[in-house]
Amino acid sequence: MHATGKTIIITGASDGIGAAAARQLHGRGHHVVIVGRSAEKTRAVADELGAPHYSADFADLGQVRALAAALIADYPRIDVLANNAGGIMGERVVTADGYEKTFQVNHLAPFLLTTLLMPALIAGRATVIQTASLAARAFSRFDITDLQNAKQYAPQRAYGNGKLANILFTAELQRRYGEHGISAVAFHPGVVASSFASDTTHLMRLVYHSPLKRLFTISAEKGADQLVWLAEGTPGATFEPGAYYESRAIATKVSPEVHDPELARDLWELSSELV
């Protein structure tokens, strides 16, 4: 039990590794705040832990802004923000905000949430964690001129691009706010058995939602391991700020774009304009 637990906000915490990490961190004495898309599922996890909860659908940036306003009012100092919400979609859909849904849910919404929470994050010298994915390397065909995945749309490519954007965002967040005490880090949790991919028509749905899943996936508890490790860790000692991790080590096999600071800067500028 920690004498002074950290205030840890976890998005996508109504299910999967977000919920598993919330349970583990709560059990270790931290003040965990549950954020999820489904009000019902989010409340169920929060009630089980006796934790505060908020619901917001990242496919609606208005809800993200309202969430940020509520969080900053209730938590003027945040120690950890885990941007864990995300997913792979089916057909190409444009949100009410006018953006391709995979891009918005996986990158633009967490980008907006993080930037709006910045005063509280700086006050807490926060660790900002992005749940990225191996998909960034396996499926991405990143084109900074086509962030809306309008050309040659495929669910897995859009998802891979979104996850690569998470890693680029981590690097640029560190570059811009590291001197203000922010420590940004991204990680791949492994292929986790959860409700992930339930919205897609892609082959990935088979891996996650058929008997095949026993061969290819790990439990949500195991997938949450690195999130818990990073949330409790000390930047510079436990992990290197600005880096992307796989299996508690800095990933060596990554897309070449991961090491392109100019691309990370461009993505940040374009994202700022979009929100």
Protein backbone atom coordinates (compact mmCIF):
# COMPACT_ATOMS: atom_id res chain seq x y z
CA MET A 1 0.00 0.00 0.00
CA HIS A 2 1.36 3.42 -0.91
CA ALA A 3 1.49 6.00 1.84
CA THR A 4 0.50 8.64 -0.66
CA GLY A 5 -1.24 7.19 -3.68
CA LYS A 6 -1.08 8.92 -7.04
CA THR A 7 -4.10 10.46 -8.79
CA ILE A 8 -4.32 8.34 -11.93
CA ILE A 9 -6.83 8.98 -14.73
CA ILE A 10 -7.37 6.03 -17.08
CA THR A 11 -9.43 6.34 -20.28
CA GLY A 12 -10.91 3.22 -21.85
CA ALA A 13 -11.14 1.87 -18.30
CA SER A 14 -14.58 0.27 -18.54
CA ASP A 15 -13.14 -2.89 -20.07
CA GLY A 16 -9.98 -4.76 -21.09
CA ILE A 17 -6.56 -3.60 -19.95
CA GLY A 18 -7.90 -0.22 -18.77
CA ALA A 19 -10.22 -1.92 -16.27
CA ALA A 20 -7.54 -4.45 -15.29
CA ALA A 21 -4.97 -1.68 -14.69
CA ALA A 22 -7.55 0.32 -12.70
CA ARG A 23 -8.19 -2.67 -10.42
CA GLN A 24 -4.48 -3.30 -9.89
CA LEU A 25 -3.59 0.34 -9.24
CA HIS A 26 -6.58 0.82 -6.93
CA GLY A 27 -5.50 -2.27 -5.00
CA ARG A 28 -2.06 -0.74 -4.58
CA GLY A 29 -3.45 2.34 -2.87
CA HIS A 30 -3.72 4.81 -5.73
CA HIS A 31 -6.61 7.19 -6.37
CA VAL A 32 -7.87 5.88 -9.71
CA VAL A 33 -10.35 7.80 -11.86
CA ILE A 34 -12.31 5.66 -14.34
CA VAL A 35 -13.16 7.10 -17.77
CA GLY A 36 -15.08 5.07 -20.37
CA ARG A 37 -17.39 5.33 -23.35
CA SER A 38 -20.30 3.27 -22.01
CA ALA A 39 -21.83 4.98 -18.95
CA GLU A 40 -23.17 1.64 -17.72
CA LYS A 41 -19.92 -0.35 -18.00
CA THR A 42 -17.87 2.57 -16.64
CA ARG A 43 -20.15 2.86 -13.60
CA ALA A 44 -19.95 -0.91 -12.99
CA VAL A 45 -16.12 -0.87 -12.80
CA ALA A 46 -16.12 2.32 -10.71
CA ASP A 47 -18.71 0.97 -8.26
CA GLU A 48 -16.72 -2.23 -7.82
CA LEU A 49 -13.70 -0.12 -6.77
CA GLY A 50 -15.55 2.71 -5.06
CA ALA A 51 -13.82 5.01 -7.55
CA PRO A 52 -15.01 8.20 -9.27
CA HIS A 53 -16.05 7.84 -12.91
CA TYR A 54 -16.78 9.91 -16.01
CA SER A 55 -18.12 8.84 -19.37
CA ALA A 56 -17.33 10.34 -22.76
CA ASP A 57 -17.51 9.10 -26.33
CA PHE A 58 -14.29 10.03 -28.13
CA ALA A 59 -16.17 10.03 -31.44
CA ASP A 60 -17.60 13.37 -30.22
CA LEU A 61 -15.00 16.06 -29.44
CA GLY A 62 -17.66 18.08 -27.58
CA GLN A 63 -17.83 15.26 -25.03
CA VAL A 64 -14.02 15.24 -24.80
CA ARG A 65 -14.03 18.99 -24.03
CA ALA A 66 -16.74 18.51 -21.38
CA LEU A 67 -14.75 15.63 -19.87
CA ALA A 68 -11.59 17.75 -19.70
CA ALA A 69 -13.47 20.61 -18.03
CA ALA A 70 -14.98 18.24 -15.42
CA LEU A 71 -11.63 16.56 -14.70
CA ILE A 72 -9.68 19.78 -14.36
CA ALA A 73 -12.33 21.17 -11.99
CA ASP A 74 -12.16 18.04 -9.81
CA TYR A 75 -8.42 17.33 -10.11
CA PRO A 76 -6.29 20.49 -10.32
CA ARG A 77 -3.26 18.19 -9.93
CA ILE A 78 -2.97 14.95 -11.92
CA ASP A 79 -0.05 12.53 -11.40
CA VAL A 80 -0.76 10.12 -14.25
CA LEU A 81 -2.91 10.34 -17.38
CA ALA A 82 -3.24 7.00 -19.19
CA ASN A 83 -4.60 7.61 -22.69
CA ASN A 84 -5.76 4.04 -23.14
CA ALA A 85 -9.06 4.43 -25.07
CA GLY A 86 -9.00 3.44 -28.74
CA GLY A 87 -10.01 0.78 -31.21
CA ILE A 88 -10.16 -0.58 -34.71
CA MET A 89 -13.31 0.28 -36.69
CA GLY A 90 -15.14 -1.27 -39.62
CA GLU A 91 -16.16 0.69 -42.70
CA ARG A 92 -14.83 4.23 -43.06
CA VAL A 93 -17.05 6.54 -40.99
CA VAL A 94 -16.81 10.31 -40.61
CA THR A 95 -17.79 11.65 -37.17
CA ALA A 96 -20.10 14.59 -36.49
CA ASP A 97 -16.89 16.62 -36.02
CA GLY A 98 -15.97 15.83 -39.63
CA TYR A 99 -13.03 13.48 -39.04
CA GLU A 100 -12.43 9.82 -39.90
CA LYS A 101 -13.49 7.91 -36.79
CA THR A 102 -10.37 5.75 -36.28
CA PHE A 103 -8.12 8.83 -36.44
CA GLN A 104 -10.37 10.81 -34.11
CA VAL A 105 -10.88 8.12 -31.45
CA ASN A 106 -7.27 6.87 -31.38
CA HIS A 107 -5.37 10.13 -31.81
CA LEU A 108 -7.29 13.39 -32.05
CA ALA A 109 -9.49 12.92 -28.96
CA PRO A 110 -6.60 11.91 -26.64
CA PHE A 111 -4.51 14.74 -28.13
CA LEU A 112 -7.29 17.21 -27.28
CA LEU A 113 -7.84 15.75 -23.80
CA THR A 114 -4.13 15.89 -22.96
CA THR A 115 -3.67 19.46 -24.14
CA LEU A 116 -6.79 20.65 -22.26
CA LEU A 117 -5.59 18.95 -19.06
CA MET A 118 -2.11 20.46 -19.37
CA PRO A 119 -2.37 22.86 -16.37
CA ALA A 120 -3.26 19.94 -14.05
CA LEU A 121 -0.64 17.68 -15.65
CA ILE A 122 2.09 20.29 -15.20
CA ALA A 123 0.97 20.85 -11.59
CA GLY A 124 1.40 17.12 -10.93
CA ARG A 125 4.61 16.74 -12.98
CA ALA A 126 2.60 14.01 -14.61
CA THR A 127 3.47 10.86 -16.47
CA VAL A 128 1.35 10.74 -19.66
CA ILE A 129 1.01 7.20 -20.99
CA GLN A 130 -0.21 6.26 -24.48
CA THR A 131 -1.42 2.71 -25.12
CA ALA A 132 0.08 2.24 -28.59
CA SER A 133 0.41 -1.03 -30.50
CA LEU A 134 2.55 -3.26 -32.63
CA ALA A 135 -0.02 -2.35 -35.32
CA ALA A 136 1.93 0.90 -35.73
CA ARG A 137 4.67 -1.17 -37.32
CA ALA A 138 2.60 -3.97 -38.85
CA PHE A 139 -0.19 -2.03 -40.58
CA SER A 140 0.56 1.68 -40.78
CA ARG A 141 1.07 3.47 -44.09
CA PHE A 142 1.39 6.90 -42.52
CA ASP A 143 0.71 9.85 -44.78
CA ILE A 144 0.70 13.25 -43.08
CA THR A 145 -1.30 14.66 -46.03
CA ASP A 146 -4.02 12.02 -45.50
CA LEU A 147 -4.68 11.94 -41.74
CA GLN A 148 -8.37 11.21 -42.48
CA ASN A 149 -7.47 7.91 -44.19
CA ALA A 150 -9.44 8.95 -47.28
CA LYS A 151 -7.12 7.19 -49.74
CA GLN A 152 -7.18 3.39 -49.84
CA TYR A 153 -9.05 3.05 -46.55
CA ALA A 154 -8.66 -0.26 -44.72
CA PRO A 155 -9.58 -0.76 -41.04
CA GLN A 156 -6.20 -2.18 -40.05
CA ARG A 157 -4.25 0.53 -41.90
CA ALA A 158 -6.30 3.30 -40.27
CA TYR A 159 -5.76 1.66 -36.87
CA GLY A 160 -2.02 1.24 -37.49
CA ASN A 161 -1.80 4.92 -38.50
CA GLY A 162 -3.66 5.92 -35.31
CA LYS A 163 -1.28 3.91 -33.14
CA LEU A 164 1.77 5.34 -34.93
CA ALA A 165 0.28 8.79 -34.28
CA ASN A 166 0.20 7.87 -30.54
CA ILE A 167 3.95 7.18 -30.61
CA LEU A 168 4.72 10.38 -32.55
CA PHE A 169 2.51 12.33 -30.14
CA THR A 170 4.46 10.88 -27.21
CA ALA A 171 7.80 12.01 -28.65
CA GLU A 172 6.54 15.53 -29.43
CA LEU A 173 4.73 15.88 -26.08
CA GLN A 174 8.04 15.09 -24.39
CA ARG A 175 9.93 17.59 -26.57
CA ARG A 176 7.45 20.40 -25.87
CA TYR A 177 6.62 19.80 -22.22
CA GLY A 178 9.50 17.77 -20.78
CA GLU A 179 11.05 20.89 -19.27
CA HIS A 180 7.70 21.60 -17.55
CA GLY A 181 7.97 18.29 -15.71
CA ILE A 182 5.84 16.16 -18.07
CA SER A 183 7.09 12.62 -18.80
CA ALA A 184 5.46 11.07 -21.86
CA VAL A 185 5.76 7.37 -22.69
CA ALA A 186 4.04 4.88 -25.03
CA PHE A 187 3.79 1.10 -24.88
CA HIS A 188 2.43 -1.96 -26.69
CA PRO A 189 0.43 -4.10 -24.22
CA GLY A 190 0.55 -7.33 -26.24
CA VAL A 191 -2.42 -8.86 -28.05
CA VAL A 192 -5.01 -8.80 -25.28
CA ALA A 193 -8.23 -10.80 -25.03
CA SER A 194 -10.90 -8.11 -24.52
CA SER A 195 -13.84 -6.56 -26.36
CA PHE A 196 -11.27 -4.88 -28.64
CA ALA A 197 -12.07 -5.24 -32.37
CA SER A 198 -15.77 -5.93 -31.68
CA ASP A 199 -16.68 -2.95 -33.90
CA THR A 200 -14.70 -4.11 -36.91
CA THR A 201 -15.38 -6.35 -39.87
CA HIS A 202 -11.65 -6.90 -40.24
CA LEU A 203 -9.93 -10.27 -39.84
CA MET A 204 -8.71 -9.05 -36.42
CA ARG A 205 -12.22 -9.68 -35.15
CA LEU A 206 -11.60 -13.40 -35.70
CA VAL A 207 -8.42 -13.32 -33.63
CA TYR A 208 -10.15 -11.55 -30.74
CA HIS A 209 -13.63 -13.09 -30.88
CA SER A 210 -13.34 -16.76 -31.84
CA PRO A 211 -11.66 -19.87 -30.40
CA LEU A 212 -8.51 -18.59 -32.17
CA LYS A 213 -8.15 -16.03 -29.40
CA ARG A 214 -6.72 -18.64 -27.02
CA LEU A 215 -3.79 -19.13 -29.36
CA PHE A 216 -2.99 -15.49 -30.01
CA THR A 217 -4.03 -13.42 -27.03
CA ILE A 218 -2.96 -12.77 -23.45
CA SER A 219 -5.24 -11.85 -20.54
CA ALA A 220 -6.19 -8.26 -19.83
CA GLU A 221 -4.39 -8.61 -16.47
CA LYS A 222 -1.14 -9.48 -18.25
CA GLY A 223 -1.71 -6.74 -20.82
CA ALA A 224 -2.12 -4.20 -18.00
CA ASP A 225 1.32 -5.05 -16.57
CA GLN A 226 3.24 -2.32 -18.40
CA LEU A 227 0.56 0.31 -17.83
CA VAL A 228 0.78 -0.34 -14.07
CA TRP A 229 4.59 -0.45 -14.22
CA LEU A 230 4.77 2.91 -16.06
CA ALA A 231 2.09 4.55 -13.88
CA GLU A 232 3.99 3.65 -10.70
CA GLY A 233 7.42 4.19 -12.21
CA THR A 234 9.91 7.00 -11.83
CA PRO A 235 10.71 8.81 -15.10
CA GLY A 236 14.40 8.58 -15.93
CA ALA A 237 14.86 5.61 -13.59
CA THR A 238 12.08 3.14 -14.43
CA PHE A 239 11.55 4.33 -18.00
CA GLU A 240 13.00 6.79 -20.48
CA PRO A 241 10.62 9.73 -21.15
CA GLY A 242 9.64 10.09 -24.82
CA ALA A 243 10.23 6.40 -25.58
CA TYR A 244 8.02 3.57 -26.85
CA TYR A 245 8.10 0.28 -24.91
CA GLU A 246 7.35 -3.37 -25.62
CA SER A 247 7.69 -5.97 -22.82
CA ARG A 248 9.13 -3.36 -20.41
CA ALA A 249 12.00 -2.54 -22.79
CA ILE A 250 12.43 0.23 -25.36
CA ALA A 251 11.20 -1.25 -28.64
CA THR A 252 13.93 -1.74 -31.22
CA LYS A 253 11.83 -2.91 -34.16
CA VAL A 254 9.74 0.15 -35.04
CA SER A 255 8.51 1.99 -38.13
CA PRO A 256 11.16 4.43 -39.43
CA GLU A 257 8.63 7.27 -38.87
CA VAL A 258 8.95 6.78 -35.09
CA HIS A 259 12.37 8.44 -35.29
CA ASP A 260 11.25 11.39 -37.42
CA PRO A 261 11.02 14.49 -35.18
CA GLU A 262 9.82 16.65 -38.07
CA LEU A 263 6.88 14.32 -38.73
CA ALA A 264 6.01 14.37 -35.01
CA ARG A 265 6.08 18.18 -35.05
CA ASP A 266 3.94 18.38 -38.19
CA LEU A 267 1.39 15.97 -36.70
CA TRP A 268 1.15 18.10 -33.55
CA GLU A 269 0.66 21.33 -35.55
CA LEU A 270 -1.99 19.78 -37.80
CA SER A 271 -3.79 18.21 -34.81
CA SER A 272 -3.82 21.58 -33.04
CA GLU A 273 -5.43 23.17 -36.10
CA LEU A 274 -8.03 20.38 -36.35
CA VAL A 275 -9.18 20.72 -32.74
